[in-house]
Each structure stands twice: as structure tokens, then as C-alpha cells.
Amino acid sequence: MADSNDQAAFEELFNLYFSWLKSVSMAIVRKNEDAEEIIEDVFLKLWLMRDKLHQIKNIETYLYTAAKNKSF
């Protein structure tokens, strides 16, 4: 995804992690709409920094931490 700006790969990543990350956010913010917006923001930031994705060693940990921090 980082090397080729692959939107299909990004969409697959989004679909794979969105529900789980939304539940992480929901545990903190307690509002469905807020949690969805937070996770969408996390993925937007990820897309915007896609040229640096090779620096992320564990994408799952990165996404979890980003979702948790943004929810607080």
C-alpha cells in the first residue's frame, strides 16, 4: 500500500480493522457517531502518511494506540 498508493489494499485494511477499533473507541467515548468519526480520522491520517507506513512495525498496535489516544 505504501509503495503503490493502493486504495484497494487500504480499503481492505479499513474493513479488517474498523469494527474492532470502533469498539475500542466506543468503550471510551460511549457514542456510536463519535466513535465512528474518530476511527475514520485515524484511517484518514494513516492514508495521508502512507508513504511512511514502512516505518510501522506492527500496524495492529499502531491502529489500536491511535484509536485509543484519539478517543481520549
C-alpha atoms as a PDB file:
ATOM      1  CA  MET A   1       0.000   0.000   0.000  1.00  0.00           C
ATOM      2  CA  ALA A   2       2.786   2.434   0.880  1.00  0.00           C
ATOM      3  CA  ASP A   3       4.735   1.956  -2.316  1.00  0.00           C
ATOM      4  CA  SER A   4       1.901   1.927  -4.833  1.00  0.00           C
ATOM      5  CA  ASN A   5      -0.813   4.119  -3.254  1.00  0.00           C
ATOM      6  CA  ASP A   6      -3.022   1.023  -3.415  1.00  0.00           C
ATOM      7  CA  GLN A   7      -6.533   2.121  -2.496  1.00  0.00           C
ATOM      8  CA  ALA A   8      -7.831  -1.461  -2.625  1.00  0.00           C
ATOM      9  CA  ALA A   9      -5.261  -2.544  -0.038  1.00  0.00           C
ATOM     10  CA  PHE A  10      -6.162   0.429   2.135  1.00  0.00           C
ATOM     11  CA  GLU A  11      -9.866  -0.407   1.866  1.00  0.00           C
ATOM     12  CA  GLU A  12      -9.118  -3.990   2.866  1.00  0.00           C
ATOM     13  CA  LEU A  13      -7.192  -2.744   5.907  1.00  0.00           C
ATOM     14  CA  PHE A  14     -10.071  -0.403   6.786  1.00  0.00           C
ATOM     15  CA  ASN A  15     -12.642  -3.204   6.507  1.00  0.00           C
ATOM     16  CA  LEU A  16     -10.483  -5.571   8.526  1.00  0.00           C
ATOM     17  CA  TYR A  17      -9.942  -3.253  11.496  1.00  0.00           C
ATOM     18  CA  PHE A  18     -12.807  -0.736  11.526  1.00  0.00           C
ATOM     19  CA  SER A  19     -15.276  -2.670  13.719  1.00  0.00           C
ATOM     20  CA  TRP A  20     -12.668  -3.674  16.267  1.00  0.00           C
ATOM     21  CA  LEU A  21     -11.256  -0.154  16.528  1.00  0.00           C
ATOM     22  CA  LYS A  22     -14.750   1.304  16.774  1.00  0.00           C
ATOM     23  CA  SER A  23     -15.444  -0.941  19.765  1.00  0.00           C
ATOM     24  CA  VAL A  24     -12.200   0.269  21.369  1.00  0.00           C
ATOM     25  CA  SER A  25     -13.310   3.853  20.859  1.00  0.00           C
ATOM     26  CA  MET A  26     -16.892   3.157  21.992  1.00  0.00           C
ATOM     27  CA  ALA A  27     -15.578   1.900  25.341  1.00  0.00           C
ATOM     28  CA  ILE A  28     -14.152   5.380  25.893  1.00  0.00           C
ATOM     29  CA  VAL A  29     -16.490   7.858  24.187  1.00  0.00           C
ATOM     30  CA  ARG A  30     -19.783   5.931  24.590  1.00  0.00           C
ATOM     31  CA  LYS A  31     -21.348   7.445  21.444  1.00  0.00           C
ATOM     32  CA  ASN A  32     -21.579   5.490  18.203  1.00  0.00           C
ATOM     33  CA  GLU A  33     -21.283   8.527  15.925  1.00  0.00           C
ATOM     34  CA  ASP A  34     -18.292   9.897  17.818  1.00  0.00           C
ATOM     35  CA  ALA A  35     -16.531   6.531  17.747  1.00  0.00           C
ATOM     36  CA  GLU A  36     -17.098   6.173  14.001  1.00  0.00           C
ATOM     37  CA  GLU A  37     -15.758   9.665  13.348  1.00  0.00           C
ATOM     38  CA  ILE A  38     -12.692   9.017  15.491  1.00  0.00           C
ATOM     39  CA  ILE A  39     -11.845   5.810  13.648  1.00  0.00           C
ATOM     40  CA  GLU A  40     -12.418   7.448  10.276  1.00  0.00           C
ATOM     41  CA  ASP A  41      -9.993  10.185  11.348  1.00  0.00           C
ATOM     42  CA  VAL A  42      -7.420   7.561  12.365  1.00  0.00           C
ATOM     43  CA  PHE A  43      -7.664   5.934   8.942  1.00  0.00           C
ATOM     44  CA  LEU A  44      -7.545   9.284   7.158  1.00  0.00           C
ATOM     45  CA  LYS A  45      -4.309  10.100   8.956  1.00  0.00           C
ATOM     46  CA  LEU A  46      -2.975   6.664   8.040  1.00  0.00           C
ATOM     47  CA  TRP A  47      -3.787   7.271   4.355  1.00  0.00           C
ATOM     48  CA  LEU A  48      -2.187  10.699   4.409  1.00  0.00           C
ATOM     49  CA  MET A  49       1.028   9.257   5.858  1.00  0.00           C
ATOM     50  CA  ARG A  50       1.009   6.140   3.664  1.00  0.00           C
ATOM     51  CA  ASP A  51       4.477   6.922   2.336  1.00  0.00           C
ATOM     52  CA  LYS A  52       5.814   6.325   5.869  1.00  0.00           C
ATOM     53  CA  LEU A  53       3.948   3.078   6.549  1.00  0.00           C
ATOM     54  CA  HIS A  54       7.101   1.041   6.113  1.00  0.00           C
ATOM     55  CA  GLN A  55       8.269   2.552   9.435  1.00  0.00           C
ATOM     56  CA  ILE A  56       5.367   0.963  11.330  1.00  0.00           C
ATOM     57  CA  LYS A  57       6.440  -2.432  12.623  1.00  0.00           C
ATOM     58  CA  ASN A  58       3.025  -3.583  13.877  1.00  0.00           C
ATOM     59  CA  ILE A  59       0.030  -1.988  12.166  1.00  0.00           C
ATOM     60  CA  GLU A  60      -2.448  -3.510  14.627  1.00  0.00           C
ATOM     61  CA  THR A  61      -0.670  -1.976  17.618  1.00  0.00           C
ATOM     62  CA  TYR A  62      -0.329   1.341  15.806  1.00  0.00           C
ATOM     63  CA  LEU A  63      -4.041   1.486  14.957  1.00  0.00           C
ATOM     64  CA  TYR A  64      -5.097   0.449  18.467  1.00  0.00           C
ATOM     65  CA  THR A  65      -2.905   3.083  20.089  1.00  0.00           C
ATOM     66  CA  ALA A  66      -4.039   5.788  17.655  1.00  0.00           C
ATOM     67  CA  ALA A  67      -7.718   4.948  18.217  1.00  0.00           C
ATOM     68  CA  LYS A  68      -7.332   4.863  21.983  1.00  0.00           C
ATOM     69  CA  ASN A  69      -5.405   8.135  22.150  1.00  0.00           C
ATOM     70  CA  LYS A  70      -7.763   9.970  19.810  1.00  0.00           C
ATOM     71  CA  SER A  71     -10.752   8.700  21.820  1.00  0.00           C
ATOM     72  CA  PHE A  72      -9.357  10.240  24.994  1.00  0.00           C
END
